C-alpha cells in the first residue's frame, strides 16, 4: 500500500493492522529491515476479539403506532393554527 491508500480511510487491514516504514531515501543494497516485535508497539491484553459498546439511537425511526395515536390531535391543532391570519 502507498501512503495515499493508508490515509484514504478504512481498508481490509483495519482489524489486523500492518506496520509501515517511511524512509527518507532507498535502503542500501543488501540491507534488510530487522524484524520488529509488535508487542513493543501494540499492547496486548488477555481479551481477544472486538469489544463494542452499543448505544441505541431512535432518532431516525418512525414510530407508526405513536403517529396513529397522535394523528387526530395533530390535525386539530393544525386546523386551529390555520384559522389565524397570516403575517
PDB file of N, CA and C in Angstrom:
ATOM      1  N   UNK A   1       0.836  -1.189   0.000  1.00  0.00           N
ATOM      2  CA  UNK A   1       0.000   0.000   0.000  1.00  0.00           C
ATOM      3  C   UNK A   1       0.875   1.245   0.000  1.00  0.00           C
ATOM      4  N   UNK A   2       0.353   2.279  -0.591  1.00  0.00           N
ATOM      5  CA  UNK A   2       1.057   3.554  -0.577  1.00  0.00           C
ATOM      6  C   UNK A   2       0.529   4.415   0.558  1.00  0.00           C
ATOM      7  N   UNK A   3       1.215   5.526   0.827  1.00  0.00           N
ATOM      8  CA  UNK A   3       0.787   6.426   1.895  1.00  0.00           C
ATOM      9  C   UNK A   3      -0.608   6.976   1.613  1.00  0.00           C
ATOM     10  N   UNK A   4      -0.911   7.258   0.359  1.00  0.00           N
ATOM     11  CA  UNK A   4      -2.236   7.768  -0.007  1.00  0.00           C
ATOM     12  C   UNK A   4      -3.325   6.749   0.329  1.00  0.00           C
ATOM     13  N   UNK A   5      -3.049   5.470   0.088  1.00  0.00           N
ATOM     14  CA  UNK A   5      -4.033   4.431   0.399  1.00  0.00           C
ATOM     15  C   UNK A   5      -4.251   4.304   1.900  1.00  0.00           C
ATOM     16  N   UNK A   6      -3.219   4.536   2.682  1.00  0.00           N
ATOM     17  CA  UNK A   6      -3.339   4.432   4.140  1.00  0.00           C
ATOM     18  C   UNK A   6      -4.270   5.518   4.659  1.00  0.00           C
ATOM     19  N   UNK A   7      -4.095   6.755   4.177  1.00  0.00           N
ATOM     20  CA  UNK A   7      -4.870   7.882   4.686  1.00  0.00           C
ATOM     21  C   UNK A   7      -6.233   8.034   4.013  1.00  0.00           C
ATOM     22  N   UNK A   8      -6.549   7.182   3.063  1.00  0.00           N
ATOM     23  CA  UNK A   8      -7.833   7.260   2.366  1.00  0.00           C
ATOM     24  C   UNK A   8      -8.990   6.890   3.284  1.00  0.00           C
ATOM     25  N   UNK A   9      -8.757   6.071   4.265  1.00  0.00           N
ATOM     26  CA  UNK A   9      -9.843   5.660   5.157  1.00  0.00           C
ATOM     27  C   UNK A   9      -9.704   4.204   5.521  1.00  0.00           C
ATOM     28  N   UNK A  10     -10.820   3.597   5.869  1.00  0.00           N
ATOM     29  CA  UNK A  10     -10.778   2.210   6.313  1.00  0.00           C
ATOM     30  C   UNK A  10     -10.424   1.285   5.155  1.00  0.00           C
ATOM     31  N   UNK A  11      -9.829   0.171   5.504  1.00  0.00           N
ATOM     32  CA  UNK A  11      -9.487  -0.824   4.500  1.00  0.00           C
ATOM     33  C   UNK A  11      -9.593  -2.208   5.120  1.00  0.00           C
ATOM     34  N   UNK A  12      -9.227  -3.225   4.378  1.00  0.00           N
ATOM     35  CA  UNK A  12      -9.391  -4.598   4.849  1.00  0.00           C
ATOM     36  C   UNK A  12      -8.430  -4.948   5.973  1.00  0.00           C
ATOM     37  N   UNK A  13      -7.430  -4.094   6.243  1.00  0.00           N
ATOM     38  CA  UNK A  13      -6.443  -4.397   7.270  1.00  0.00           C
ATOM     39  C   UNK A  13      -6.721  -3.661   8.574  1.00  0.00           C
ATOM     40  N   UNK A  14      -7.899  -3.062   8.742  1.00  0.00           N
ATOM     41  CA  UNK A  14      -8.205  -2.319   9.960  1.00  0.00           C
ATOM     42  C   UNK A  14      -8.174  -3.205  11.202  1.00  0.00           C
ATOM     43  N   UNK A  15      -8.716  -4.406  11.118  1.00  0.00           N
ATOM     44  CA  UNK A  15      -8.765  -5.294  12.273  1.00  0.00           C
ATOM     45  C   UNK A  15      -7.413  -5.955  12.524  1.00  0.00           C
ATOM     46  N   UNK A  16      -6.600  -6.076  11.507  1.00  0.00           N
ATOM     47  CA  UNK A  16      -5.283  -6.690  11.623  1.00  0.00           C
ATOM     48  C   UNK A  16      -4.277  -5.751  10.955  1.00  0.00           C
ATOM     49  N   UNK A  17      -3.872  -4.678  11.657  1.00  0.00           N
ATOM     50  CA  UNK A  17      -3.097  -3.627  11.002  1.00  0.00           C
ATOM     51  C   UNK A  17      -1.684  -4.052  10.611  1.00  0.00           C
ATOM     52  N   UNK A  18      -1.194  -3.425   9.563  1.00  0.00           N
ATOM     53  CA  UNK A  18       0.190  -3.582   9.130  1.00  0.00           C
ATOM     54  C   UNK A  18       1.048  -2.545   9.823  1.00  0.00           C
ATOM     55  N   UNK A  19       2.334  -2.768   9.837  1.00  0.00           N
ATOM     56  CA  UNK A  19       3.284  -1.793  10.341  1.00  0.00           C
ATOM     57  C   UNK A  19       3.993  -1.219   9.120  1.00  0.00           C
ATOM     58  N   UNK A  20       3.974   0.096   8.971  1.00  0.00           N
ATOM     59  CA  UNK A  20       4.553   0.733   7.798  1.00  0.00           C
ATOM     60  C   UNK A  20       5.801   1.506   8.183  1.00  0.00           C
ATOM     61  N   UNK A  21       6.813   1.421   7.332  1.00  0.00           N
ATOM     62  CA  UNK A  21       8.042   2.185   7.490  1.00  0.00           C
ATOM     63  C   UNK A  21       8.075   3.264   6.428  1.00  0.00           C
ATOM     64  N   UNK A  22       8.559   4.429   6.798  1.00  0.00           N
ATOM     65  CA  UNK A  22       8.715   5.517   5.829  1.00  0.00           C
ATOM     66  C   UNK A  22      10.175   5.942   5.860  1.00  0.00           C
ATOM     67  N   UNK A  23      10.844   5.831   4.723  1.00  0.00           N
ATOM     68  CA  UNK A  23      12.260   6.135   4.632  1.00  0.00           C
ATOM     69  C   UNK A  23      12.484   7.414   3.847  1.00  0.00           C
ATOM     70  N   UNK A  24      13.518   8.148   4.229  1.00  0.00           N
ATOM     71  CA  UNK A  24      13.863   9.388   3.522  1.00  0.00           C
ATOM     72  C   UNK A  24      14.537   9.071   2.188  1.00  0.00           C
ATOM     73  N   UNK A  25      15.203   7.922   2.125  1.00  0.00           N
ATOM     74  CA  UNK A  25      15.854   7.514   0.868  1.00  0.00           C
ATOM     75  C   UNK A  25      15.867   5.989   0.799  1.00  0.00           C
ATOM     76  N   UNK A  26      16.100   5.444  -0.375  1.00  0.00           N
ATOM     77  CA  UNK A  26      16.085   3.981  -0.508  1.00  0.00           C
ATOM     78  C   UNK A  26      17.171   3.324   0.360  1.00  0.00           C
ATOM     79  N   UNK A  27      16.883   2.082   0.771  1.00  0.00           N
ATOM     80  CA  UNK A  27      17.872   1.328   1.535  1.00  0.00           C
ATOM     81  C   UNK A  27      19.060   0.959   0.658  1.00  0.00           C
ATOM     82  N   UNK A  28      20.202   0.842   1.279  1.00  0.00           N
ATOM     83  CA  UNK A  28      21.385   0.417   0.539  1.00  0.00           C
ATOM     84  C   UNK A  28      21.210  -1.031   0.110  1.00  0.00           C
ATOM     85  N   UNK A  29      21.866  -1.375  -0.943  1.00  0.00           N
ATOM     86  CA  UNK A  29      21.747  -2.733  -1.475  1.00  0.00           C
ATOM     87  C   UNK A  29      22.251  -3.743  -0.446  1.00  0.00           C
ATOM     88  N   UNK A  30      21.458  -4.777  -0.204  1.00  0.00           N
ATOM     89  CA  UNK A  30      21.827  -5.827   0.737  1.00  0.00           C
ATOM     90  C   UNK A  30      21.382  -5.570   2.169  1.00  0.00           C
ATOM     91  N   UNK A  31      20.927  -4.364   2.477  1.00  0.00           N
ATOM     92  CA  UNK A  31      20.471  -4.044   3.837  1.00  0.00           C
ATOM     93  C   UNK A  31      19.030  -4.495   3.988  1.00  0.00           C
ATOM     94  N   UNK A  32      18.743  -5.143   5.100  1.00  0.00           N
ATOM     95  CA  UNK A  32      17.382  -5.610   5.368  1.00  0.00           C
ATOM     96  C   UNK A  32      16.859  -4.932   6.627  1.00  0.00           C
ATOM     97  N   UNK A  33      15.558  -4.744   6.679  1.00  0.00           N
ATOM     98  CA  UNK A  33      14.923  -4.161   7.857  1.00  0.00           C
ATOM     99  C   UNK A  33      14.838  -5.248   8.918  1.00  0.00           C
ATOM    100  N   UNK A  34      15.327  -4.971  10.149  1.00  0.00           N
ATOM    101  CA  UNK A  34      15.252  -6.000  11.189  1.00  0.00           C
ATOM    102  C   UNK A  34      13.810  -6.260  11.598  1.00  0.00           C
ATOM    103  N   UNK A  35      13.511  -7.492  12.013  1.00  0.00           N
ATOM    104  CA  UNK A  35      12.141  -7.788  12.452  1.00  0.00           C
ATOM    105  C   UNK A  35      11.763  -6.936  13.667  1.00  0.00           C
ATOM    106  N   UNK A  36      10.499  -6.554  13.743  1.00  0.00           N
ATOM    107  CA  UNK A  36      10.003  -5.715  14.835  1.00  0.00           C
ATOM    108  C   UNK A  36       9.098  -6.537  15.734  1.00  0.00           C
ATOM    109  N   UNK A  37       9.307  -6.425  17.037  1.00  0.00           N
ATOM    110  CA  UNK A  37       8.439  -7.097  17.993  1.00  0.00           C
ATOM    111  C   UNK A  37       7.197  -6.232  18.167  1.00  0.00           C
ATOM    112  N   UNK A  38       6.077  -6.661  17.615  1.00  0.00           N
ATOM    113  CA  UNK A  38       4.855  -5.862  17.640  1.00  0.00           C
ATOM    114  C   UNK A  38       4.331  -5.634  19.055  1.00  0.00           C
ATOM    115  N   UNK A  39       4.690  -6.489  19.999  1.00  0.00           N
ATOM    116  CA  UNK A  39       4.234  -6.304  21.373  1.00  0.00           C
ATOM    117  C   UNK A  39       4.850  -5.050  21.997  1.00  0.00           C
ATOM    118  N   UNK A  40       5.966  -4.583  21.456  1.00  0.00           N
ATOM    119  CA  UNK A  40       6.568  -3.339  21.939  1.00  0.00           C
ATOM    120  C   UNK A  40       5.801  -2.120  21.429  1.00  0.00           C
ATOM    121  N   UNK A  41       5.092  -2.261  20.327  1.00  0.00           N
ATOM    122  CA  UNK A  41       4.360  -1.145  19.724  1.00  0.00           C
ATOM    123  C   UNK A  41       2.888  -1.188  20.098  1.00  0.00           C
ATOM    124  N   UNK A  42       2.270  -2.360  19.960  1.00  0.00           N
ATOM    125  CA  UNK A  42       0.853  -2.530  20.250  1.00  0.00           C
ATOM    126  C   UNK A  42       0.702  -3.342  21.526  1.00  0.00           C
ATOM    127  N   UNK A  43      -0.026  -2.795  22.489  1.00  0.00           N
ATOM    128  CA  UNK A  43      -0.265  -3.519  23.731  1.00  0.00           C
ATOM    129  C   UNK A  43      -1.122  -4.748  23.495  1.00  0.00           C
ATOM    130  N   UNK A  44      -0.942  -5.735  24.325  1.00  0.00           N
ATOM    131  CA  UNK A  44      -1.711  -6.959  24.186  1.00  0.00           C
ATOM    132  C   UNK A  44      -2.381  -7.269  25.519  1.00  0.00           C
ATOM    133  N   UNK A  45      -3.645  -7.611  25.473  1.00  0.00           N
ATOM    134  CA  UNK A  45      -4.379  -7.962  26.681  1.00  0.00           C
ATOM    135  C   UNK A  45      -4.810  -9.414  26.602  1.00  0.00           C
ATOM    136  N   UNK A  46      -5.439  -9.880  27.663  1.00  0.00           N
ATOM    137  CA  UNK A  46      -5.932 -11.257  27.670  1.00  0.00           C
ATOM    138  C   UNK A  46      -7.232 -11.382  26.893  1.00  0.00           C
ATOM    139  N   UNK A  47      -7.834 -10.240  26.546  1.00  0.00           N
ATOM    140  CA  UNK A  47      -9.090 -10.251  25.802  1.00  0.00           C
ATOM    141  C   UNK A  47      -8.797 -10.309  24.307  1.00  0.00           C
ATOM    142  N   UNK A  48      -9.519 -11.156  23.615  1.00  0.00           N
ATOM    143  CA  UNK A  48      -9.365 -11.256  22.173  1.00  0.00           C
ATOM    144  C   UNK A  48     -10.710 -11.014  21.521  1.00  0.00           C
ATOM    145  N   UNK A  49     -10.694 -10.475  20.340  1.00  0.00           N
ATOM    146  CA  UNK A  49     -11.923 -10.158  19.628  1.00  0.00           C
ATOM    147  C   UNK A  49     -12.220  -8.679  19.744  1.00  0.00           C
ATOM    148  N   UNK A  50     -13.430  -8.317  19.457  1.00  0.00           N
ATOM    149  CA  UNK A  50     -13.835  -6.929  19.474  1.00  0.00           C
ATOM    150  C   UNK A  50     -14.663  -6.631  20.713  1.00  0.00           C
ATOM    151  N   UNK A  51     -14.434  -5.488  21.296  1.00  0.00           N
ATOM    152  CA  UNK A  51     -15.246  -5.020  22.407  1.00  0.00           C
ATOM    153  C   UNK A  51     -16.012  -3.806  21.898  1.00  0.00           C
ATOM    154  N   UNK A  52     -17.315  -3.938  21.776  1.00  0.00           N
ATOM    155  CA  UNK A  52     -18.130  -2.883  21.184  1.00  0.00           C
ATOM    156  C   UNK A  52     -19.173  -2.433  22.196  1.00  0.00           C
ATOM    157  N   UNK A  53     -19.278  -1.127  22.371  1.00  0.00           N
ATOM    158  CA  UNK A  53     -20.324  -0.568  23.217  1.00  0.00           C
ATOM    159  C   UNK A  53     -21.402  -0.009  22.306  1.00  0.00           C
ATOM    160  N   UNK A  54     -22.598  -0.515  22.457  1.00  0.00           N
ATOM    161  CA  UNK A  54     -23.712  -0.120  21.601  1.00  0.00           C
ATOM    162  C   UNK A  54     -24.617   0.829  22.367  1.00  0.00           C
ATOM    163  N   UNK A  55     -24.937   1.929  21.733  1.00  0.00           N
ATOM    164  CA  UNK A  55     -25.843   2.893  22.339  1.00  0.00           C
ATOM    165  C   UNK A  55     -27.003   3.092  21.365  1.00  0.00           C
ATOM    166  N   UNK A  56     -28.217   2.686  21.754  1.00  0.00           N
ATOM    167  CA  UNK A  56     -29.341   2.796  20.825  1.00  0.00           C
ATOM    168  C   UNK A  56     -29.666   4.250  20.489  1.00  0.00           C
ATOM    169  N   UNK A  57     -30.016   4.466  19.245  1.00  0.00           N
ATOM    170  CA  UNK A  57     -30.379   5.804  18.787  1.00  0.00           C
ATOM    171  C   UNK A  57     -31.638   5.662  17.944  1.00  0.00           C
ATOM    172  N   UNK A  58     -32.741   6.167  18.450  1.00  0.00           N
ATOM    173  CA  UNK A  58     -34.007   6.031  17.739  1.00  0.00           C
ATOM    174  C   UNK A  58     -34.416   7.325  17.049  1.00  0.00           C
ATOM    175  N   UNK A  59     -33.474   8.204  16.807  1.00  0.00           N
ATOM    176  CA  UNK A  59     -33.809   9.497  16.222  1.00  0.00           C
ATOM    177  C   UNK A  59     -34.282   9.380  14.772  1.00  0.00           C
ATOM    178  N   UNK A  60     -33.959   8.290  14.085  1.00  0.00           N
ATOM    179  CA  UNK A  60     -34.353   8.153  12.690  1.00  0.00           C
ATOM    180  C   UNK A  60     -35.413   7.079  12.478  1.00  0.00           C
ATOM    181  N   UNK A  61     -35.980   6.586  13.577  1.00  0.00           N
ATOM    182  CA  UNK A  61     -37.007   5.556  13.479  1.00  0.00           C
ATOM    183  C   UNK A  61     -38.383   6.214  13.507  1.00  0.00           C
ATOM    184  N   UNK A  62     -39.205   5.872  12.565  1.00  0.00           N
ATOM    185  CA  UNK A  62     -40.562   6.409  12.518  1.00  0.00           C
ATOM    186  C   UNK A  62     -41.467   5.453  13.269  1.00  0.00           C
ATOM    187  N   UNK A  63     -42.056   5.930  14.350  1.00  0.00           N
ATOM    188  CA  UNK A  63     -42.929   5.096  15.166  1.00  0.00           C
ATOM    189  C   UNK A  63     -44.361   5.254  14.655  1.00  0.00           C
ATOM    190  N   UNK A  64     -44.789   4.325  13.806  1.00  0.00           N
ATOM    191  CA  UNK A  64     -46.110   4.403  13.175  1.00  0.00           C
ATOM    192  C   UNK A  64     -47.247   4.334  14.193  1.00  0.00           C
ATOM    193  N   UNK A  65     -47.077   3.555  15.250  1.00  0.00           N
ATOM    194  CA  UNK A  65     -48.132   3.430  16.263  1.00  0.00           C
ATOM    195  C   UNK A  65     -48.332   4.762  16.990  1.00  0.00           C
ATOM    196  N   UNK A  66     -47.226   5.419  17.352  1.00  0.00           N
ATOM    197  CA  UNK A  66     -47.312   6.711  18.030  1.00  0.00           C
ATOM    198  C   UNK A  66     -47.908   7.770  17.107  1.00  0.00           C
ATOM    199  N   UNK A  67     -47.544   7.738  15.838  1.00  0.00           N
ATOM    200  CA  UNK A  67     -48.108   8.684  14.873  1.00  0.00           C
ATOM    201  C   UNK A  67     -49.618   8.488  14.772  1.00  0.00           C
ATOM    202  N   UNK A  68     -50.070   7.258  14.721  1.00  0.00           N
ATOM    203  CA  UNK A  68     -51.502   6.971  14.607  1.00  0.00           C
ATOM    204  C   UNK A  68     -52.261   7.456  15.838  1.00  0.00           C
ATOM    205  N   UNK A  69     -51.669   7.283  17.034  1.00  0.00           N
ATOM    206  CA  UNK A  69     -52.323   7.699  18.273  1.00  0.00           C
ATOM    207  C   UNK A  69     -52.447   9.226  18.387  1.00  0.00           C
ATOM    208  N   UNK A  70     -51.496   9.954  17.831  1.00  0.00           N
ATOM    209  CA  UNK A  70     -51.487  11.421  17.974  1.00  0.00           C
ATOM    210  C   UNK A  70     -51.944  12.148  16.711  1.00  0.00           C
ATOM    211  N   UNK A  71     -52.355  11.398  15.701  1.00  0.00           N
ATOM    212  CA  UNK A  71     -52.728  11.990  14.415  1.00  0.00           C
ATOM    213  C   UNK A  71     -53.920  12.948  14.544  1.00  0.00           C
ATOM    214  N   UNK A  72     -54.969  12.544  15.256  1.00  0.00           N
ATOM    215  CA  UNK A  72     -56.167  13.385  15.396  1.00  0.00           C
ATOM    216  C   UNK A  72     -55.857  14.687  16.132  1.00  0.00           C
ATOM    217  N   UNK A  73     -55.099  14.590  17.233  1.00  0.00           N
ATOM    218  CA  UNK A  73     -54.743  15.796  17.990  1.00  0.00           C
ATOM    219  C   UNK A  73     -53.897  16.729  17.133  1.00  0.00           C
ATOM    220  N   UNK A  74     -52.980  16.174  16.346  1.00  0.00           N
ATOM    221  CA  UNK A  74     -52.134  16.984  15.472  1.00  0.00           C
ATOM    222  C   UNK A  74     -52.982  17.702  14.413  1.00  0.00           C
ATOM    223  N   UNK A  75     -53.910  16.972  13.819  1.00  0.00           N
ATOM    224  CA  UNK A  75     -54.760  17.578  12.796  1.00  0.00           C
ATOM    225  C   UNK A  75     -55.634  18.690  13.370  1.00  0.00           C
ATOM    226  N   UNK A  76     -56.145  18.497  14.583  1.00  0.00           N
ATOM    227  CA  UNK A  76     -56.948  19.541  15.231  1.00  0.00           C
ATOM    228  C   UNK A  76     -56.112  20.792  15.497  1.00  0.00           C
ATOM    229  N   UNK A  77     -54.884  20.610  15.976  1.00  0.00           N
ATOM    230  CA  UNK A  77     -54.000  21.756  16.220  1.00  0.00           C
ATOM    231  C   UNK A  77     -53.677  22.483  14.918  1.00  0.00           C
ATOM    232  N   UNK A  78     -53.437  21.733  13.871  1.00  0.00           N
ATOM    233  CA  UNK A  78     -53.118  22.331  12.575  1.00  0.00           C
ATOM    234  C   UNK A  78     -54.293  23.159  12.059  1.00  0.00           C
ATOM    235  N   UNK A  79     -55.509  22.632  12.195  1.00  0.00           N
ATOM    236  CA  UNK A  79     -56.701  23.363  11.750  1.00  0.00           C
ATOM    237  C   UNK A  79     -56.884  24.642  12.567  1.00  0.00           C
ATOM    238  N   UNK A  80     -56.616  24.597  13.878  1.00  0.00           N
ATOM    239  CA  UNK A  80     -56.736  25.774  14.743  1.00  0.00           C
ATOM    240  C   UNK A  80     -55.717  26.832  14.349  1.00  0.00           C
ATOM    241  N   UNK A  81     -54.507  26.409  14.014  1.00  0.00           N
ATOM    242  CA  UNK A  81     -53.446  27.352  13.615  1.00  0.00           C
ATOM    243  C   UNK A  81     -53.791  28.007  12.295  1.00  0.00           C
ATOM    244  N   UNK A  82     -54.386  27.247  11.383  1.00  0.00           N
ATOM    245  CA  UNK A  82     -54.726  27.785  10.062  1.00  0.00           C
ATOM    246  C   UNK A  82     -55.782  28.888  10.149  1.00  0.00           C
ATOM    247  N   UNK A  83     -56.565  28.949  11.225  1.00  0.00           N
ATOM    248  CA  UNK A  83     -57.581  29.975  11.396  1.00  0.00           C
ATOM    249  C   UNK A  83     -57.012  31.352  11.691  1.00  0.00           C
ATOM    250  N   UNK A  84     -55.763  31.378  12.197  1.00  0.00           N
ATOM    251  CA  UNK A  84     -55.145  32.674  12.498  1.00  0.00           C
ATOM    252  C   UNK A  84     -54.769  33.374  11.197  1.00  0.00           C
ATOM    253  N   UNK A  85     -54.872  34.694  11.150  1.00  0.00           N
ATOM    254  CA  UNK A  85     -54.491  35.406   9.928  1.00  0.00           C
ATOM    255  C   UNK A  85     -52.980  35.302   9.673  1.00  0.00           C
ATOM    256  N   UNK A  86     -52.627  35.238   8.418  1.00  0.00           N
ATOM    257  CA  UNK A  86     -51.215  35.144   8.041  1.00  0.00           C
ATOM    258  C   UNK A  86     -50.506  36.462   8.311  1.00  0.00           C
ATOM    259  N   UNK A  87     -49.219  36.378   8.614  1.00  0.00           N
ATOM    260  CA  UNK A  87     -48.427  37.602   8.780  1.00  0.00           C
ATOM    261  C   UNK A  87     -48.077  37.820  10.126  1.00  0.00           C
TER     262      UNK A  87
END
